[in-house]
Amino acid sequence: MVDALIIRAVNGVLRRNSWALQRLQDCAGKTARIECVPVRLAFTVLETGEVASAAAATAPQVTITLTPGLMLRVLARDETVWNDIAVAGDTDFATVINHVWRNLRWDMEEDLARVFGDITAHRMMQTGRTLDQWRAQSFDNLARSFAEYWTEEQPLIARAHDVEHFNRNVDQLRDDLARLEKRIENLLNRA
């Protein structure tokens, strides 16, 4: 049942992005399985470029395996997440799926407007953007607080000034040692 809802939503977005349908038409008949514990979704690309739930006995051409943490990064459109996802099988098909996902645009406000009306959908999206900005600012503030705590209160991380001072002292010691070695060498040569 969940698969059917996901497939229906994906097809709705694909229909509004005709380039994606054209790109997927080249993969017609191929099946992909996406595994993210506890969800396993298998779909087959149709001749139209849309997708349908794959038959239970169908062997996938590509299997994309990810953790729930990676799935959150995928949904957040983190560009680097694709380097961490395990892909087995037809890499060309996986590349097409990756390209479509990365470039697919979903007008969420339009879909919400159909259900809740234009004004409510607009306010919902505005609230979502505000919450996302608050989340980003909170994480930034938290990271800064931890960095300050670990450099000032509980020095687990060296301050930039301390690292520069240490590096200057090491350079000075190296130079002094080189001069001492040269003096010893000169004294030994005289004797």
C-alpha atoms as a PDB file:
ATOM      1  CA  MET A   1       0.000   0.000   0.000  1.00  0.00           C
ATOM      2  CA  VAL A   2       2.837   2.405   0.876  1.00  0.00           C
ATOM      3  CA  ASP A   3       4.536   1.449  -2.395  1.00  0.00           C
ATOM      4  CA  ALA A   4       1.415   2.416  -4.354  1.00  0.00           C
ATOM      5  CA  LEU A   5       1.266   5.839  -2.683  1.00  0.00           C
ATOM      6  CA  ILE A   6       4.955   6.479  -3.339  1.00  0.00           C
ATOM      7  CA  ILE A   7       4.643   5.357  -6.979  1.00  0.00           C
ATOM      8  CA  ARG A   8       1.579   7.583  -7.481  1.00  0.00           C
ATOM      9  CA  ALA A   9       3.378  10.599  -5.992  1.00  0.00           C
ATOM     10  CA  VAL A  10       6.521   9.958  -8.078  1.00  0.00           C
ATOM     11  CA  ASN A  11       4.467   9.680 -11.269  1.00  0.00           C
ATOM     12  CA  GLY A  12       2.672  12.939 -10.455  1.00  0.00           C
ATOM     13  CA  VAL A  13       6.002  14.729 -10.142  1.00  0.00           C
ATOM     14  CA  LEU A  14       7.391  13.021 -13.255  1.00  0.00           C
ATOM     15  CA  ARG A  15       4.382  14.143 -15.339  1.00  0.00           C
ATOM     16  CA  ARG A  16       5.129  17.771 -14.437  1.00  0.00           C
ATOM     17  CA  ASN A  17       8.758  17.287 -15.546  1.00  0.00           C
ATOM     18  CA  SER A  18       8.480  16.038 -19.123  1.00  0.00           C
ATOM     19  CA  TRP A  19      12.274  15.966 -19.568  1.00  0.00           C
ATOM     20  CA  ALA A  20      12.431  13.333 -16.798  1.00  0.00           C
ATOM     21  CA  LEU A  21       9.853  11.151 -18.539  1.00  0.00           C
ATOM     22  CA  GLN A  22      11.892  11.348 -21.756  1.00  0.00           C
ATOM     23  CA  ARG A  23      15.086  10.479 -19.900  1.00  0.00           C
ATOM     24  CA  LEU A  24      13.458   7.466 -18.225  1.00  0.00           C
ATOM     25  CA  GLN A  25      11.916   6.196 -21.486  1.00  0.00           C
ATOM     26  CA  ASP A  26      15.395   5.014 -22.490  1.00  0.00           C
ATOM     27  CA  CYS A  27      15.260   2.676 -19.459  1.00  0.00           C
ATOM     28  CA  ALA A  28      11.817   1.244 -20.227  1.00  0.00           C
ATOM     29  CA  GLY A  29      11.404  -2.290 -18.908  1.00  0.00           C
ATOM     30  CA  LYS A  30      14.215  -1.971 -16.365  1.00  0.00           C
ATOM     31  CA  THR A  31      13.553  -2.559 -12.696  1.00  0.00           C
ATOM     32  CA  ALA A  32      15.211  -0.854  -9.743  1.00  0.00           C
ATOM     33  CA  ARG A  33      15.019  -1.698  -6.076  1.00  0.00           C
ATOM     34  CA  ILE A  34      15.641   0.908  -3.393  1.00  0.00           C
ATOM     35  CA  GLU A  35      16.348  -0.510   0.042  1.00  0.00           C
ATOM     36  CA  CYS A  36      16.245   1.676   3.127  1.00  0.00           C
ATOM     37  CA  VAL A  37      15.465  -0.335   6.231  1.00  0.00           C
ATOM     38  CA  PRO A  38      12.601  -0.961   6.908  1.00  0.00           C
ATOM     39  CA  VAL A  39      11.320   0.114   3.469  1.00  0.00           C
ATOM     40  CA  ARG A  40      12.018  -1.764   0.246  1.00  0.00           C
ATOM     41  CA  LEU A  41      10.631  -0.231  -2.934  1.00  0.00           C
ATOM     42  CA  ALA A  42      10.881  -1.956  -6.314  1.00  0.00           C
ATOM     43  CA  PHE A  43       9.691  -0.221  -9.460  1.00  0.00           C
ATOM     44  CA  THR A  44       9.774  -0.838 -13.185  1.00  0.00           C
ATOM     45  CA  VAL A  45      10.081   1.945 -15.745  1.00  0.00           C
ATOM     46  CA  LEU A  46       7.209   1.937 -18.254  1.00  0.00           C
ATOM     47  CA  GLU A  47       7.370   2.876 -21.961  1.00  0.00           C
ATOM     48  CA  THR A  48       5.937   6.312 -21.100  1.00  0.00           C
ATOM     49  CA  GLY A  49       8.758   7.020 -18.643  1.00  0.00           C
ATOM     50  CA  GLU A  50       6.454   6.657 -15.668  1.00  0.00           C
ATOM     51  CA  VAL A  51       7.107   3.987 -13.052  1.00  0.00           C
ATOM     52  CA  ALA A  52       5.011   1.108 -11.732  1.00  0.00           C
ATOM     53  CA  SER A  53       5.418  -1.279  -8.826  1.00  0.00           C
ATOM     54  CA  ALA A  54       7.590  -4.182  -9.916  1.00  0.00           C
ATOM     55  CA  ALA A  55       6.253  -7.705  -9.823  1.00  0.00           C
ATOM     56  CA  ALA A  56       7.427  -9.618  -6.749  1.00  0.00           C
ATOM     57  CA  ALA A  57       9.438 -12.160  -8.774  1.00  0.00           C
ATOM     58  CA  THR A  58      11.168  -9.535 -10.958  1.00  0.00           C
ATOM     59  CA  ALA A  59      14.937  -9.372 -10.500  1.00  0.00           C
ATOM     60  CA  PRO A  60      16.111  -5.752 -10.400  1.00  0.00           C
ATOM     61  CA  GLN A  61      18.734  -4.472 -12.824  1.00  0.00           C
ATOM     62  CA  VAL A  62      19.987  -2.115 -10.115  1.00  0.00           C
ATOM     63  CA  THR A  63      19.769  -2.157  -6.322  1.00  0.00           C
ATOM     64  CA  ILE A  64      20.309   1.066  -4.418  1.00  0.00           C
ATOM     65  CA  THR A  65      20.928   0.533  -0.699  1.00  0.00           C
ATOM     66  CA  LEU A  66      20.976   3.331   1.834  1.00  0.00           C
ATOM     67  CA  THR A  67      20.538   3.900   5.550  1.00  0.00           C
ATOM     68  CA  PRO A  68      17.826   6.097   7.084  1.00  0.00           C
ATOM     69  CA  GLY A  69      20.487   8.748   7.717  1.00  0.00           C
ATOM     70  CA  LEU A  70      21.490   8.729   4.053  1.00  0.00           C
ATOM     71  CA  MET A  71      17.803   8.890   3.074  1.00  0.00           C
ATOM     72  CA  LEU A  72      17.432  12.096   5.080  1.00  0.00           C
ATOM     73  CA  ARG A  73      20.427  13.538   3.223  1.00  0.00           C
ATOM     74  CA  VAL A  74      18.867  12.477  -0.102  1.00  0.00           C
ATOM     75  CA  LEU A  75      15.589  14.177   0.812  1.00  0.00           C
ATOM     76  CA  ALA A  76      17.520  17.279   1.869  1.00  0.00           C
ATOM     77  CA  ARG A  77      19.120  17.293  -1.597  1.00  0.00           C
ATOM     78  CA  ASP A  78      22.660  16.877  -0.257  1.00  0.00           C
ATOM     79  CA  GLU A  79      24.793  16.653  -3.417  1.00  0.00           C
ATOM     80  CA  THR A  80      27.532  14.616  -1.726  1.00  0.00           C
ATOM     81  CA  VAL A  81      25.241  11.843  -0.461  1.00  0.00           C
ATOM     82  CA  TRP A  82      25.409   9.894  -3.725  1.00  0.00           C
ATOM     83  CA  ASN A  83      29.060   9.074  -2.986  1.00  0.00           C
ATOM     84  CA  ASP A  84      27.975   7.196   0.163  1.00  0.00           C
ATOM     85  CA  ILE A  85      25.093   5.176  -1.307  1.00  0.00           C
ATOM     86  CA  ALA A  86      25.725   1.525  -2.220  1.00  0.00           C
ATOM     87  CA  VAL A  87      24.771   0.720  -5.826  1.00  0.00           C
ATOM     88  CA  ALA A  88      24.828  -2.796  -7.273  1.00  0.00           C
ATOM     89  CA  GLY A  89      24.004  -3.732 -10.844  1.00  0.00           C
ATOM     90  CA  ASP A  90      23.454  -1.564 -13.920  1.00  0.00           C
ATOM     91  CA  THR A  91      25.374   1.626 -13.144  1.00  0.00           C
ATOM     92  CA  ASP A  92      24.054   3.360 -16.287  1.00  0.00           C
ATOM     93  CA  PHE A  93      20.493   2.881 -15.029  1.00  0.00           C
ATOM     94  CA  ALA A  94      21.556   4.085 -11.558  1.00  0.00           C
ATOM     95  CA  THR A  95      23.124   7.167 -13.167  1.00  0.00           C
ATOM     96  CA  VAL A  96      19.841   7.976 -14.916  1.00  0.00           C
ATOM     97  CA  ILE A  97      17.932   7.585 -11.636  1.00  0.00           C
ATOM     98  CA  ASN A  98      20.485   9.814  -9.892  1.00  0.00           C
ATOM     99  CA  HIS A  99      20.266  12.468 -12.623  1.00  0.00           C
ATOM    100  CA  VAL A 100      16.467  12.474 -12.595  1.00  0.00           C
ATOM    101  CA  TRP A 101      16.330  12.699  -8.797  1.00  0.00           C
ATOM    102  CA  ARG A 102      18.895  15.503  -8.588  1.00  0.00           C
ATOM    103  CA  ASN A 103      17.183  17.618 -11.228  1.00  0.00           C
ATOM    104  CA  LEU A 104      13.534  16.780 -10.545  1.00  0.00           C
ATOM    105  CA  ARG A 105      11.576  19.753  -9.254  1.00  0.00           C
ATOM    106  CA  TRP A 106       8.458  19.297  -7.177  1.00  0.00           C
ATOM    107  CA  ASP A 107       6.156  22.251  -6.718  1.00  0.00           C
ATOM    108  CA  MET A 108       4.905  21.203  -3.314  1.00  0.00           C
ATOM    109  CA  GLU A 109       2.846  24.355  -2.898  1.00  0.00           C
ATOM    110  CA  GLU A 110       0.832  23.507  -6.009  1.00  0.00           C
ATOM    111  CA  ASP A 111       0.030  20.032  -4.691  1.00  0.00           C
ATOM    112  CA  LEU A 112      -0.886  21.383  -1.259  1.00  0.00           C
ATOM    113  CA  ALA A 113      -3.125  24.019  -2.875  1.00  0.00           C
ATOM    114  CA  ARG A 114      -5.235  21.297  -4.476  1.00  0.00           C
ATOM    115  CA  VAL A 115      -5.949  19.830  -1.046  1.00  0.00           C
ATOM    116  CA  PHE A 116      -5.981  22.859   1.280  1.00  0.00           C
ATOM    117  CA  GLY A 117      -6.490  25.863  -1.006  1.00  0.00           C
ATOM    118  CA  ASP A 118      -4.060  28.493  -2.279  1.00  0.00           C
ATOM    119  CA  ILE A 119      -3.761  30.677   0.819  1.00  0.00           C
ATOM    120  CA  THR A 120      -3.337  27.809   3.264  1.00  0.00           C
ATOM    121  CA  ALA A 121      -0.801  26.087   1.003  1.00  0.00           C
ATOM    122  CA  HIS A 122       1.190  29.308   0.686  1.00  0.00           C
ATOM    123  CA  ARG A 123       1.216  29.778   4.461  1.00  0.00           C
ATOM    124  CA  MET A 124       2.205  26.136   5.007  1.00  0.00           C
ATOM    125  CA  MET A 125       5.163  26.529   2.647  1.00  0.00           C
ATOM    126  CA  GLN A 126       6.124  29.844   4.254  1.00  0.00           C
ATOM    127  CA  THR A 127       6.057  28.182   7.686  1.00  0.00           C
ATOM    128  CA  GLY A 128       8.149  25.314   6.332  1.00  0.00           C
ATOM    129  CA  ARG A 129      10.762  27.721   4.975  1.00  0.00           C
ATOM    130  CA  THR A 130      10.844  29.610   8.288  1.00  0.00           C
ATOM    131  CA  LEU A 131      11.284  26.364  10.221  1.00  0.00           C
ATOM    132  CA  ASP A 132      14.058  25.288   7.865  1.00  0.00           C
ATOM    133  CA  GLN A 133      15.875  28.597   8.376  1.00  0.00           C
ATOM    134  CA  TRP A 134      15.472  28.224  12.145  1.00  0.00           C
ATOM    135  CA  ARG A 135      16.837  24.652  11.951  1.00  0.00           C
ATOM    136  CA  ALA A 136      19.883  25.757   9.951  1.00  0.00           C
ATOM    137  CA  GLN A 137      20.568  28.684  12.289  1.00  0.00           C
ATOM    138  CA  SER A 138      20.140  26.451  15.360  1.00  0.00           C
ATOM    139  CA  PHE A 139      22.602  23.873  14.043  1.00  0.00           C
ATOM    140  CA  ASP A 140      25.068  26.632  13.196  1.00  0.00           C
ATOM    141  CA  ASN A 141      24.739  28.139  16.676  1.00  0.00           C
ATOM    142  CA  LEU A 142      25.102  24.713  18.286  1.00  0.00           C
ATOM    143  CA  ALA A 143      28.248  23.955  16.262  1.00  0.00           C
ATOM    144  CA  ARG A 144      29.748  27.322  17.225  1.00  0.00           C
ATOM    145  CA  SER A 145      28.913  26.715  20.897  1.00  0.00           C
ATOM    146  CA  PHE A 146      30.569  23.292  20.863  1.00  0.00           C
ATOM    147  CA  ALA A 147      33.626  24.697  19.099  1.00  0.00           C
ATOM    148  CA  GLU A 148      33.928  27.480  21.657  1.00  0.00           C
ATOM    149  CA  TYR A 149      33.442  25.065  24.553  1.00  0.00           C
ATOM    150  CA  TRP A 150      36.045  22.637  23.211  1.00  0.00           C
ATOM    151  CA  THR A 151      38.603  25.363  22.558  1.00  0.00           C
ATOM    152  CA  GLU A 152      38.037  27.574  25.620  1.00  0.00           C
ATOM    153  CA  GLU A 153      36.397  25.588  28.451  1.00  0.00           C
ATOM    154  CA  GLN A 154      37.479  21.988  27.821  1.00  0.00           C
ATOM    155  CA  PRO A 155      40.394  22.261  25.393  1.00  0.00           C
ATOM    156  CA  LEU A 156      39.902  19.273  23.136  1.00  0.00           C
ATOM    157  CA  ILE A 157      40.511  21.387  20.048  1.00  0.00           C
ATOM    158  CA  ALA A 158      43.448  23.761  19.738  1.00  0.00           C
ATOM    159  CA  ARG A 159      42.767  27.401  18.935  1.00  0.00           C
ATOM    160  CA  ALA A 160      44.201  28.679  15.674  1.00  0.00           C
ATOM    161  CA  HIS A 161      46.479  31.065  17.582  1.00  0.00           C
ATOM    162  CA  ASP A 162      47.894  28.198  19.672  1.00  0.00           C
ATOM    163  CA  VAL A 163      48.535  26.072  16.580  1.00  0.00           C
ATOM    164  CA  GLU A 164      50.357  28.953  14.866  1.00  0.00           C
ATOM    165  CA  HIS A 165      52.453  29.545  18.001  1.00  0.00           C
ATOM    166  CA  PHE A 166      53.318  25.835  18.197  1.00  0.00           C
ATOM    167  CA  ASN A 167      54.287  25.762  14.498  1.00  0.00           C
ATOM    168  CA  ARG A 168      56.537  28.818  14.930  1.00  0.00           C
ATOM    169  CA  ASN A 169      58.247  27.167  17.902  1.00  0.00           C
ATOM    170  CA  VAL A 170      58.786  23.936  15.945  1.00  0.00           C
ATOM    171  CA  ASP A 171      60.245  25.912  13.035  1.00  0.00           C
ATOM    172  CA  GLN A 172      62.531  27.808  15.430  1.00  0.00           C
ATOM    173  CA  LEU A 173      63.672  24.544  17.062  1.00  0.00           C
ATOM    174  CA  ARG A 174      64.357  22.986  13.651  1.00  0.00           C
ATOM    175  CA  ASP A 175      66.433  26.005  12.601  1.00  0.00           C
ATOM    176  CA  ASP A 176      68.338  26.014  15.900  1.00  0.00           C
ATOM    177  CA  LEU A 177      69.038  22.292  15.555  1.00  0.00           C
ATOM    178  CA  ALA A 178      70.285  22.758  11.997  1.00  0.00           C
ATOM    179  CA  ARG A 179      72.657  25.529  13.158  1.00  0.00           C
ATOM    180  CA  LEU A 180      73.900  23.360  16.041  1.00  0.00           C
ATOM    181  CA  GLU A 181      74.537  20.426  13.697  1.00  0.00           C
ATOM    182  CA  LYS A 182      76.491  22.751  11.378  1.00  0.00           C
ATOM    183  CA  ARG A 183      78.611  24.072  14.280  1.00  0.00           C
ATOM    184  CA  ILE A 184      79.359  20.527  15.479  1.00  0.00           C
ATOM    185  CA  GLU A 185      80.308  19.544  11.942  1.00  0.00           C
ATOM    186  CA  ASN A 186      82.639  22.583  11.661  1.00  0.00           C
ATOM    187  CA  LEU A 187      84.247  21.767  15.028  1.00  0.00           C
ATOM    188  CA  LEU A 188      84.803  18.154  14.016  1.00  0.00           C
ATOM    189  CA  ASN A 189      86.326  19.246  10.705  1.00  0.00           C
ATOM    190  CA  ARG A 190      88.821  21.536  12.514  1.00  0.00           C
ATOM    191  CA  ALA A 191      89.987  18.792  14.837  1.00  0.00           C
END
